[in-house]
Amino acid sequence: MAITMVESLSKGKLGDPLLCEDLYVCTEDFVAIVDGATNVSGKKMNGKTPGRLAAEIVKATIETLPREISLQDMVSTINDNLQHTYEEIGLKKEIKKHAWMAPTASLIVYSDHHKEIWQIGDCQCMVDGKLYKNDKIIDDITANARSLYLEAEIKKGKTIDELLVDDPGWRFIQELIQQQYYLQNDVENQYGFEIINGFPVDFSKVKIIEVSPTTEYIVLASDGYPYVKESLVESERMLQEILTEDPLCFRIYKSAKGLTKGNLSFDDRTYIKFTVKEREK
């Protein structure tokens, strides 16, 4: 089948493409979004945040994969490349000691050969109006904990404007988010979840969405869009409404992160809409 792009946007919350931890892939065989995880270590690796480093490795790997590759072999190849990088930059011991040091990313991929969408982590997709999310209980816990903390700060006299400059709610949940890294790819844990981080994935937990020959359109999006709609304009409109009405993202749309004064949004965001049709013979 032939992949035809309809519309797309990838924009970092800081406005600098080089600092954006969302990356995307569009080839004849694959369409993918890679969402590098927010930096909770405060450190950079090879001059990049862990999320950006992970996203670059995943993107570069997918761009070289053969058309027929399976989900399992794709993840294995990505993990091999991540592990090679960990070895190169001397990160293996750090990761063993502190799990949150591992560069980590969510990934959603459309494979044209398999006619499937593979969803690992919290990227989203829409197929002919039907939305597929991959929410985690653990995200609700951290988002609600931050929301509670900020509500208390406001009750004590802080203003929304003050909290947009300095968010103590984020600092409050940062250790909790670091703890999440120990639960990555842990299928037996009640809070475990699948993610790309260089370590084995339980494929029984990976969401696979079949794409039929009659599918009219597909949308892939990172979680920088609170609400994914059928068009980029509508998705952007919904995002801007949240940023206007609830910029801290702690009431209408609860998140572990809110808007910081001077930033463009609360998170990096990527949206890709495309069609798949039979190739001409």
C-alpha atoms as a PDB file:
ATOM      1  CA  MET A   1       0.000   0.000   0.000  1.00  0.00           C
ATOM      2  CA  ALA A   2       1.148   3.585  -0.567  1.00  0.00           C
ATOM      3  CA  ILE A   3       1.447   5.998   2.330  1.00  0.00           C
ATOM      4  CA  THR A   4       0.320   9.563   1.621  1.00  0.00           C
ATOM      5  CA  MET A   5       0.865  12.312   4.175  1.00  0.00           C
ATOM      6  CA  VAL A   6      -2.158  14.568   4.731  1.00  0.00           C
ATOM      7  CA  GLU A   7      -0.863  16.934   7.430  1.00  0.00           C
ATOM      8  CA  SER A   8       1.752  16.989  10.152  1.00  0.00           C
ATOM      9  CA  LEU A   9       3.288  19.135  12.866  1.00  0.00           C
ATOM     10  CA  SER A  10       6.127  18.574  15.321  1.00  0.00           C
ATOM     11  CA  LYS A  11       6.858  21.364  17.767  1.00  0.00           C
ATOM     12  CA  GLY A  12       8.933  21.492  20.925  1.00  0.00           C
ATOM     13  CA  LYS A  13       7.653  23.165  24.065  1.00  0.00           C
ATOM     14  CA  LEU A  14      10.766  25.370  24.118  1.00  0.00           C
ATOM     15  CA  GLY A  15      10.464  26.402  20.463  1.00  0.00           C
ATOM     16  CA  ASP A  16      13.891  25.009  19.518  1.00  0.00           C
ATOM     17  CA  PRO A  17      13.710  21.924  17.229  1.00  0.00           C
ATOM     18  CA  LEU A  18      17.074  20.688  18.539  1.00  0.00           C
ATOM     19  CA  LEU A  19      15.686  20.548  22.080  1.00  0.00           C
ATOM     20  CA  CYS A  20      12.460  18.777  21.106  1.00  0.00           C
ATOM     21  CA  GLU A  21      12.231  15.224  22.487  1.00  0.00           C
ATOM     22  CA  ASP A  22       9.529  14.256  19.955  1.00  0.00           C
ATOM     23  CA  LEU A  23      10.787  12.919  16.622  1.00  0.00           C
ATOM     24  CA  TYR A  24       8.957  11.237  13.748  1.00  0.00           C
ATOM     25  CA  VAL A  25       9.631   8.883  10.859  1.00  0.00           C
ATOM     26  CA  CYS A  26       7.896   8.870   7.470  1.00  0.00           C
ATOM     27  CA  THR A  27       9.171   6.379   4.890  1.00  0.00           C
ATOM     28  CA  GLU A  28       7.551   4.186   2.242  1.00  0.00           C
ATOM     29  CA  ASP A  29       7.308   1.415   4.822  1.00  0.00           C
ATOM     30  CA  PHE A  30       6.834   3.036   8.227  1.00  0.00           C
ATOM     31  CA  VAL A  31       5.219   6.025   9.894  1.00  0.00           C
ATOM     32  CA  ALA A  32       6.260   6.475  13.508  1.00  0.00           C
ATOM     33  CA  ILE A  33       6.375   8.929  16.379  1.00  0.00           C
ATOM     34  CA  VAL A  34       9.041   8.641  19.050  1.00  0.00           C
ATOM     35  CA  ASP A  35       8.429  10.559  22.282  1.00  0.00           C
ATOM     36  CA  GLY A  36      11.534  10.771  24.452  1.00  0.00           C
ATOM     37  CA  ALA A  37      10.789  10.800  28.174  1.00  0.00           C
ATOM     38  CA  THR A  38      11.148  14.000  30.205  1.00  0.00           C
ATOM     39  CA  ASN A  39      14.553  14.404  31.834  1.00  0.00           C
ATOM     40  CA  VAL A  40      14.253  13.533  35.536  1.00  0.00           C
ATOM     41  CA  SER A  41      17.979  13.085  36.129  1.00  0.00           C
ATOM     42  CA  GLY A  42      18.902  16.689  35.305  1.00  0.00           C
ATOM     43  CA  LYS A  43      21.898  15.363  33.355  1.00  0.00           C
ATOM     44  CA  LYS A  44      22.773  15.423  29.663  1.00  0.00           C
ATOM     45  CA  MET A  45      24.374  12.641  27.651  1.00  0.00           C
ATOM     46  CA  ASN A  46      26.557  13.499  24.691  1.00  0.00           C
ATOM     47  CA  GLY A  47      25.202  17.034  25.071  1.00  0.00           C
ATOM     48  CA  LYS A  48      21.587  15.884  24.822  1.00  0.00           C
ATOM     49  CA  THR A  49      18.796  15.106  27.252  1.00  0.00           C
ATOM     50  CA  PRO A  50      18.200  11.364  27.783  1.00  0.00           C
ATOM     51  CA  GLY A  51      14.841  11.626  26.009  1.00  0.00           C
ATOM     52  CA  ARG A  52      16.327  13.327  22.954  1.00  0.00           C
ATOM     53  CA  LEU A  53      19.152  10.783  22.804  1.00  0.00           C
ATOM     54  CA  ALA A  54      16.690   7.872  22.975  1.00  0.00           C
ATOM     55  CA  ALA A  55      14.437   9.453  20.335  1.00  0.00           C
ATOM     56  CA  GLU A  56      17.341   9.975  17.923  1.00  0.00           C
ATOM     57  CA  ILE A  57      18.504   6.359  18.276  1.00  0.00           C
ATOM     58  CA  VAL A  58      14.992   4.967  17.778  1.00  0.00           C
ATOM     59  CA  LYS A  59      14.337   7.204  14.757  1.00  0.00           C
ATOM     60  CA  ALA A  60      17.655   6.355  13.090  1.00  0.00           C
ATOM     61  CA  THR A  61      17.049   2.644  13.666  1.00  0.00           C
ATOM     62  CA  ILE A  62      13.541   2.595  12.175  1.00  0.00           C
ATOM     63  CA  GLU A  63      14.746   4.466   9.078  1.00  0.00           C
ATOM     64  CA  THR A  64      17.126   1.591   8.281  1.00  0.00           C
ATOM     65  CA  LEU A  65      14.799  -1.355   8.986  1.00  0.00           C
ATOM     66  CA  PRO A  66      13.686  -3.738   6.229  1.00  0.00           C
ATOM     67  CA  ARG A  67      10.044  -3.467   5.200  1.00  0.00           C
ATOM     68  CA  GLU A  68       9.123  -6.973   6.389  1.00  0.00           C
ATOM     69  CA  ILE A  69      10.570  -6.687   9.905  1.00  0.00           C
ATOM     70  CA  SER A  70       8.392  -7.930  12.738  1.00  0.00           C
ATOM     71  CA  LEU A  71       7.494  -5.981  15.869  1.00  0.00           C
ATOM     72  CA  GLN A  72       9.733  -8.242  17.940  1.00  0.00           C
ATOM     73  CA  ASP A  73      12.741  -7.843  15.651  1.00  0.00           C
ATOM     74  CA  MET A  74      12.214  -4.085  15.413  1.00  0.00           C
ATOM     75  CA  VAL A  75      12.299  -3.700  19.212  1.00  0.00           C
ATOM     76  CA  SER A  76      15.269  -6.058  19.467  1.00  0.00           C
ATOM     77  CA  THR A  77      17.233  -3.984  16.936  1.00  0.00           C
ATOM     78  CA  ILE A  78      16.353  -0.730  18.696  1.00  0.00           C
ATOM     79  CA  ASN A  79      17.379  -2.194  22.060  1.00  0.00           C
ATOM     80  CA  ASP A  80      20.676  -3.445  20.640  1.00  0.00           C
ATOM     81  CA  ASN A  81      21.444   0.068  19.393  1.00  0.00           C
ATOM     82  CA  LEU A  82      20.484   1.611  22.728  1.00  0.00           C
ATOM     83  CA  GLN A  83      22.664  -0.860  24.625  1.00  0.00           C
ATOM     84  CA  HIS A  84      25.562  -0.147  22.265  1.00  0.00           C
ATOM     85  CA  THR A  85      25.198   3.565  23.048  1.00  0.00           C
ATOM     86  CA  TYR A  86      25.048   2.880  26.801  1.00  0.00           C
ATOM     87  CA  GLU A  87      28.309   0.966  26.463  1.00  0.00           C
ATOM     88  CA  GLU A  88      29.935   3.728  24.397  1.00  0.00           C
ATOM     89  CA  ILE A  89      29.140   6.519  26.835  1.00  0.00           C
ATOM     90  CA  GLY A  90      29.750   4.479  29.987  1.00  0.00           C
ATOM     91  CA  LEU A  91      26.132   4.520  31.142  1.00  0.00           C
ATOM     92  CA  LYS A  92      25.526   0.856  31.994  1.00  0.00           C
ATOM     93  CA  LYS A  93      26.739   1.067  35.595  1.00  0.00           C
ATOM     94  CA  GLU A  94      24.758   4.278  36.170  1.00  0.00           C
ATOM     95  CA  ILE A  95      21.554   2.651  34.881  1.00  0.00           C
ATOM     96  CA  LYS A  96      22.079  -0.400  37.089  1.00  0.00           C
ATOM     97  CA  LYS A  97      22.430   1.873  40.112  1.00  0.00           C
ATOM     98  CA  HIS A  98      19.805   4.465  39.130  1.00  0.00           C
ATOM     99  CA  ALA A  99      17.149   3.181  36.709  1.00  0.00           C
ATOM    100  CA  TRP A 100      15.967   6.702  35.869  1.00  0.00           C
ATOM    101  CA  MET A 101      19.272   7.381  34.102  1.00  0.00           C
ATOM    102  CA  ALA A 102      18.211   5.169  31.175  1.00  0.00           C
ATOM    103  CA  PRO A 103      17.224   7.090  28.017  1.00  0.00           C
ATOM    104  CA  THR A 104      13.596   6.141  27.497  1.00  0.00           C
ATOM    105  CA  ALA A 105      10.944   6.707  24.848  1.00  0.00           C
ATOM    106  CA  SER A 106       7.363   5.912  23.937  1.00  0.00           C
ATOM    107  CA  LEU A 107       6.889   4.658  20.393  1.00  0.00           C
ATOM    108  CA  ILE A 108       4.006   4.221  17.984  1.00  0.00           C
ATOM    109  CA  VAL A 109       4.633   2.715  14.550  1.00  0.00           C
ATOM    110  CA  TYR A 110       2.522   1.989  11.483  1.00  0.00           C
ATOM    111  CA  SER A 111       3.983  -0.925   9.506  1.00  0.00           C
ATOM    112  CA  ASP A 112       2.771  -0.853   5.914  1.00  0.00           C
ATOM    113  CA  HIS A 113       3.872  -4.438   5.314  1.00  0.00           C
ATOM    114  CA  HIS A 114       2.013  -5.875   8.300  1.00  0.00           C
ATOM    115  CA  LYS A 115      -0.891  -3.384   8.065  1.00  0.00           C
ATOM    116  CA  GLU A 116      -0.629  -2.871  11.806  1.00  0.00           C
ATOM    117  CA  ILE A 117      -0.032  -0.077  14.299  1.00  0.00           C
ATOM    118  CA  TRP A 118       2.281  -0.972  17.197  1.00  0.00           C
ATOM    119  CA  GLN A 119       1.767   1.068  20.376  1.00  0.00           C
ATOM    120  CA  ILE A 120       4.454   0.994  23.082  1.00  0.00           C
ATOM    121  CA  GLY A 121       4.070   3.692  25.721  1.00  0.00           C
ATOM    122  CA  ASP A 122       1.647   6.596  25.804  1.00  0.00           C
ATOM    123  CA  CYS A 123       1.593   7.831  22.206  1.00  0.00           C
ATOM    124  CA  GLN A 124      -1.903   7.878  20.710  1.00  0.00           C
ATOM    125  CA  CYS A 125      -3.571   7.048  17.421  1.00  0.00           C
ATOM    126  CA  MET A 126      -6.888   7.466  15.665  1.00  0.00           C
ATOM    127  CA  VAL A 127      -8.147   5.203  12.882  1.00  0.00           C
ATOM    128  CA  ASP A 128     -11.192   6.486  11.007  1.00  0.00           C
ATOM    129  CA  GLY A 129     -12.401   8.417  14.044  1.00  0.00           C
ATOM    130  CA  LYS A 130     -11.729   5.712  16.640  1.00  0.00           C
ATOM    131  CA  LEU A 131      -9.198   6.812  19.266  1.00  0.00           C
ATOM    132  CA  TYR A 132      -6.668   4.398  20.780  1.00  0.00           C
ATOM    133  CA  LYS A 133      -4.860   5.545  23.913  1.00  0.00           C
ATOM    134  CA  ASN A 134      -2.467   3.727  26.207  1.00  0.00           C
ATOM    135  CA  ASP A 135      -2.988   5.404  29.559  1.00  0.00           C
ATOM    136  CA  LYS A 136      -1.279   4.170  32.723  1.00  0.00           C
ATOM    137  CA  ILE A 137      -2.620   4.143  36.284  1.00  0.00           C
ATOM    138  CA  ILE A 138       0.754   5.433  37.404  1.00  0.00           C
ATOM    139  CA  ASP A 139       0.252   8.628  35.368  1.00  0.00           C
ATOM    140  CA  ASP A 140      -3.075   9.294  37.073  1.00  0.00           C
ATOM    141  CA  ILE A 141      -1.368   8.920  40.457  1.00  0.00           C
ATOM    142  CA  THR A 142       1.399  11.432  39.717  1.00  0.00           C
ATOM    143  CA  ALA A 143      -0.951  13.875  37.975  1.00  0.00           C
ATOM    144  CA  ASN A 144      -3.395  13.841  40.895  1.00  0.00           C
ATOM    145  CA  ALA A 145      -0.587  14.147  43.468  1.00  0.00           C
ATOM    146  CA  ARG A 146       0.748  17.227  41.659  1.00  0.00           C
ATOM    147  CA  SER A 147      -2.778  18.648  41.338  1.00  0.00           C
ATOM    148  CA  LEU A 148      -3.375  18.228  45.073  1.00  0.00           C
ATOM    149  CA  TYR A 149      -0.058  19.872  45.906  1.00  0.00           C
ATOM    150  CA  LEU A 150      -0.757  22.870  43.679  1.00  0.00           C
ATOM    151  CA  GLU A 151      -4.287  23.313  45.040  1.00  0.00           C
ATOM    152  CA  ALA A 152      -2.793  23.478  48.541  1.00  0.00           C
ATOM    153  CA  GLU A 153      -0.196  26.027  47.392  1.00  0.00           C
ATOM    154  CA  ILE A 154      -2.953  28.214  45.973  1.00  0.00           C
ATOM    155  CA  LYS A 155      -4.933  27.889  49.203  1.00  0.00           C
ATOM    156  CA  LYS A 156      -1.818  29.096  51.059  1.00  0.00           C
ATOM    157  CA  GLY A 157      -1.683  32.210  48.883  1.00  0.00           C
ATOM    158  CA  LYS A 158       0.269  31.367  45.709  1.00  0.00           C
ATOM    159  CA  THR A 159      -1.136  32.652  42.417  1.00  0.00           C
ATOM    160  CA  ILE A 160      -1.381  30.813  39.098  1.00  0.00           C
ATOM    161  CA  ASP A 161       1.140  33.269  37.621  1.00  0.00           C
ATOM    162  CA  GLU A 162       3.630  32.525  40.394  1.00  0.00           C
ATOM    163  CA  LEU A 163       3.230  28.778  39.880  1.00  0.00           C
ATOM    164  CA  LEU A 164       3.769  29.161  36.132  1.00  0.00           C
ATOM    165  CA  VAL A 165       7.211  30.574  36.945  1.00  0.00           C
ATOM    166  CA  ASP A 166       8.096  28.042  39.643  1.00  0.00           C
ATOM    167  CA  ASP A 167       6.142  24.769  39.907  1.00  0.00           C
ATOM    168  CA  PRO A 168       6.716  23.098  43.303  1.00  0.00           C
ATOM    169  CA  GLY A 169       4.174  20.435  42.328  1.00  0.00           C
ATOM    170  CA  TRP A 170       6.590  19.092  39.718  1.00  0.00           C
ATOM    171  CA  ARG A 171       9.399  18.966  42.264  1.00  0.00           C
ATOM    172  CA  PHE A 172       7.079  17.189  44.695  1.00  0.00           C
ATOM    173  CA  ILE A 173       6.360  14.320  42.269  1.00  0.00           C
ATOM    174  CA  GLN A 174       9.834  14.134  40.708  1.00  0.00           C
ATOM    175  CA  GLU A 175      11.029  11.396  43.055  1.00  0.00           C
ATOM    176  CA  LEU A 176       7.833   9.452  42.388  1.00  0.00           C
ATOM    177  CA  ILE A 177       8.481   9.700  38.654  1.00  0.00           C
ATOM    178  CA  GLN A 178      12.040   8.497  39.165  1.00  0.00           C
ATOM    179  CA  GLN A 179      10.628   5.475  41.001  1.00  0.00           C
ATOM    180  CA  GLN A 180       8.525   4.655  37.920  1.00  0.00           C
ATOM    181  CA  TYR A 181      11.685   3.743  36.019  1.00  0.00           C
ATOM    182  CA  TYR A 182      12.098   0.656  38.225  1.00  0.00           C
ATOM    183  CA  LEU A 183       8.685  -0.547  37.036  1.00  0.00           C
ATOM    184  CA  GLN A 184       9.347  -0.230  33.293  1.00  0.00           C
ATOM    185  CA  ASN A 185       8.753  -3.452  31.354  1.00  0.00           C
ATOM    186  CA  ASP A 186       7.748  -5.219  34.580  1.00  0.00           C
ATOM    187  CA  VAL A 187       4.688  -7.200  33.603  1.00  0.00           C
ATOM    188  CA  GLU A 188       4.215  -8.770  37.048  1.00  0.00           C
ATOM    189  CA  ASN A 189       3.994  -5.462  38.906  1.00  0.00           C
ATOM    190  CA  GLN A 190       0.606  -3.813  39.391  1.00  0.00           C
ATOM    191  CA  TYR A 191       2.097  -0.525  38.151  1.00  0.00           C
ATOM    192  CA  GLY A 192       4.349  -2.011  35.454  1.00  0.00           C
ATOM    193  CA  PHE A 193       4.224  -0.661  31.902  1.00  0.00           C
ATOM    194  CA  GLU A 194       5.913  -1.243  28.557  1.00  0.00           C
ATOM    195  CA  ILE A 195       8.391   1.272  27.171  1.00  0.00           C
ATOM    196  CA  ILE A 196      11.442   1.474  24.903  1.00  0.00           C
ATOM    197  CA  ASN A 197      14.566   1.702  27.064  1.00  0.00           C
ATOM    198  CA  GLY A 198      17.087  -0.839  25.781  1.00  0.00           C
ATOM    199  CA  PHE A 199      15.668  -3.712  27.845  1.00  0.00           C
ATOM    200  CA  PRO A 200      13.256  -6.583  27.000  1.00  0.00           C
ATOM    201  CA  VAL A 201       9.606  -5.778  26.299  1.00  0.00           C
ATOM    202  CA  ASP A 202       6.715  -8.118  27.090  1.00  0.00           C
ATOM    203  CA  PHE A 203       5.031  -8.241  23.693  1.00  0.00           C
ATOM    204  CA  SER A 204       1.838  -9.662  25.159  1.00  0.00           C
ATOM    205  CA  LYS A 205       1.321  -6.189  26.664  1.00  0.00           C
ATOM    206  CA  VAL A 206       1.976  -4.250  23.455  1.00  0.00           C
ATOM    207  CA  LYS A 207      -1.166  -2.923  21.775  1.00  0.00           C
ATOM    208  CA  ILE A 208      -1.500  -3.987  18.134  1.00  0.00           C
ATOM    209  CA  ILE A 209      -4.139  -2.288  15.993  1.00  0.00           C
ATOM    210  CA  GLU A 210      -5.019  -3.859  12.657  1.00  0.00           C
ATOM    211  CA  VAL A 211      -5.489  -1.553   9.666  1.00  0.00           C
ATOM    212  CA  SER A 212      -8.050  -2.751   7.137  1.00  0.00           C
ATOM    213  CA  PRO A 213      -7.849  -2.159   3.350  1.00  0.00           C
ATOM    214  CA  THR A 214     -10.863   0.153   3.660  1.00  0.00           C
ATOM    215  CA  THR A 215      -9.240   2.449   6.249  1.00  0.00           C
ATOM    216  CA  GLU A 216      -9.698   6.076   5.179  1.00  0.00           C
ATOM    217  CA  TYR A 217      -7.114   7.750   7.403  1.00  0.00           C
ATOM    218  CA  ILE A 218      -4.767   7.244  10.352  1.00  0.00           C
ATOM    219  CA  VAL A 219      -3.576   9.797  12.909  1.00  0.00           C
ATOM    220  CA  LEU A 220      -0.540   9.261  15.122  1.00  0.00           C
ATOM    221  CA  ALA A 221       0.166  11.719  17.947  1.00  0.00           C
ATOM    222  CA  SER A 222       2.355  12.108  21.000  1.00  0.00           C
ATOM    223  CA  ASP A 223       0.820  12.824  24.396  1.00  0.00           C
ATOM    224  CA  GLY A 224       1.620  16.506  23.951  1.00  0.00           C
ATOM    225  CA  TYR A 225      -1.919  16.643  22.562  1.00  0.00           C
ATOM    226  CA  PRO A 226      -4.437  16.311  25.417  1.00  0.00           C
ATOM    227  CA  TYR A 227      -7.173  15.566  22.892  1.00  0.00           C
ATOM    228  CA  VAL A 228      -6.476  14.033  19.473  1.00  0.00           C
ATOM    229  CA  LYS A 229      -9.000  15.006  16.829  1.00  0.00           C
ATOM    230  CA  GLU A 230      -9.549  14.159  13.166  1.00  0.00           C
ATOM    231  CA  SER A 231      -7.671  17.256  12.014  1.00  0.00           C
ATOM    232  CA  LEU A 232      -4.546  19.067  13.106  1.00  0.00           C
ATOM    233  CA  VAL A 233      -6.453  22.361  13.334  1.00  0.00           C
ATOM    234  CA  GLU A 234      -8.991  20.889  15.752  1.00  0.00           C
ATOM    235  CA  SER A 235      -6.307  19.157  17.832  1.00  0.00           C
ATOM    236  CA  GLU A 236      -4.390  22.431  18.064  1.00  0.00           C
ATOM    237  CA  ARG A 237      -7.554  24.319  19.007  1.00  0.00           C
ATOM    238  CA  MET A 238      -8.239  21.926  21.872  1.00  0.00           C
ATOM    239  CA  LEU A 239      -4.657  22.233  23.096  1.00  0.00           C
ATOM    240  CA  GLN A 240      -4.775  26.031  23.038  1.00  0.00           C
ATOM    241  CA  GLU A 241      -8.039  25.967  25.006  1.00  0.00           C
ATOM    242  CA  ILE A 242      -6.329  23.949  27.751  1.00  0.00           C
ATOM    243  CA  LEU A 243      -3.288  26.255  27.748  1.00  0.00           C
ATOM    244  CA  THR A 244      -5.619  29.242  28.139  1.00  0.00           C
ATOM    245  CA  GLU A 245      -8.095  27.855  30.670  1.00  0.00           C
ATOM    246  CA  ASP A 246      -5.830  25.513  32.669  1.00  0.00           C
ATOM    247  CA  PRO A 247      -2.195  26.405  31.880  1.00  0.00           C
ATOM    248  CA  LEU A 248      -0.854  24.544  34.921  1.00  0.00           C
ATOM    249  CA  CYS A 249      -2.669  21.394  33.718  1.00  0.00           C
ATOM    250  CA  PHE A 250      -3.986  20.508  37.168  1.00  0.00           C
ATOM    251  CA  ARG A 251      -7.750  20.977  36.960  1.00  0.00           C
ATOM    252  CA  ILE A 252      -9.382  20.506  33.556  1.00  0.00           C
ATOM    253  CA  TYR A 253      -6.557  18.376  32.176  1.00  0.00           C
ATOM    254  CA  LYS A 254      -4.453  16.856  34.932  1.00  0.00           C
ATOM    255  CA  SER A 255      -0.855  16.138  34.009  1.00  0.00           C
ATOM    256  CA  ALA A 256       2.511  15.586  35.671  1.00  0.00           C
ATOM    257  CA  LYS A 257       3.662  18.750  33.896  1.00  0.00           C
ATOM    258  CA  GLY A 258       2.111  22.131  33.248  1.00  0.00           C
ATOM    259  CA  LEU A 259       2.995  25.140  31.166  1.00  0.00           C
ATOM    260  CA  THR A 260       6.092  27.033  32.257  1.00  0.00           C
ATOM    261  CA  LYS A 261       6.077  30.784  31.627  1.00  0.00           C
ATOM    262  CA  GLY A 262       7.866  31.480  28.356  1.00  0.00           C
ATOM    263  CA  ASN A 263       7.303  28.000  26.913  1.00  0.00           C
ATOM    264  CA  LEU A 264       4.993  27.253  23.987  1.00  0.00           C
ATOM    265  CA  SER A 265       3.183  24.362  25.669  1.00  0.00           C
ATOM    266  CA  PHE A 266       3.349  21.976  28.616  1.00  0.00           C
ATOM    267  CA  ASP A 267       5.079  19.325  26.477  1.00  0.00           C
ATOM    268  CA  ASP A 268       6.580  18.670  23.063  1.00  0.00           C
ATOM    269  CA  ARG A 269       3.938  17.618  20.551  1.00  0.00           C
ATOM    270  CA  THR A 270       3.747  15.763  17.240  1.00  0.00           C
ATOM    271  CA  TYR A 271       0.739  15.048  15.021  1.00  0.00           C
ATOM    272  CA  ILE A 272       0.757  13.077  11.759  1.00  0.00           C
ATOM    273  CA  LYS A 273      -2.265  12.289   9.606  1.00  0.00           C
ATOM    274  CA  PHE A 274      -1.894  10.021   6.589  1.00  0.00           C
ATOM    275  CA  THR A 275      -3.756   7.673   4.261  1.00  0.00           C
ATOM    276  CA  VAL A 276      -2.847   4.201   3.034  1.00  0.00           C
ATOM    277  CA  LYS A 277      -3.994   3.042  -0.399  1.00  0.00           C
ATOM    278  CA  GLU A 278      -3.179   0.143  -2.655  1.00  0.00           C
ATOM    279  CA  ARG A 279       0.035   0.748  -4.593  1.00  0.00           C
ATOM    280  CA  GLU A 280      -0.307   1.153  -8.346  1.00  0.00           C
ATOM    281  CA  LYS A 281       0.938  -1.876 -10.243  1.00  0.00           C
END
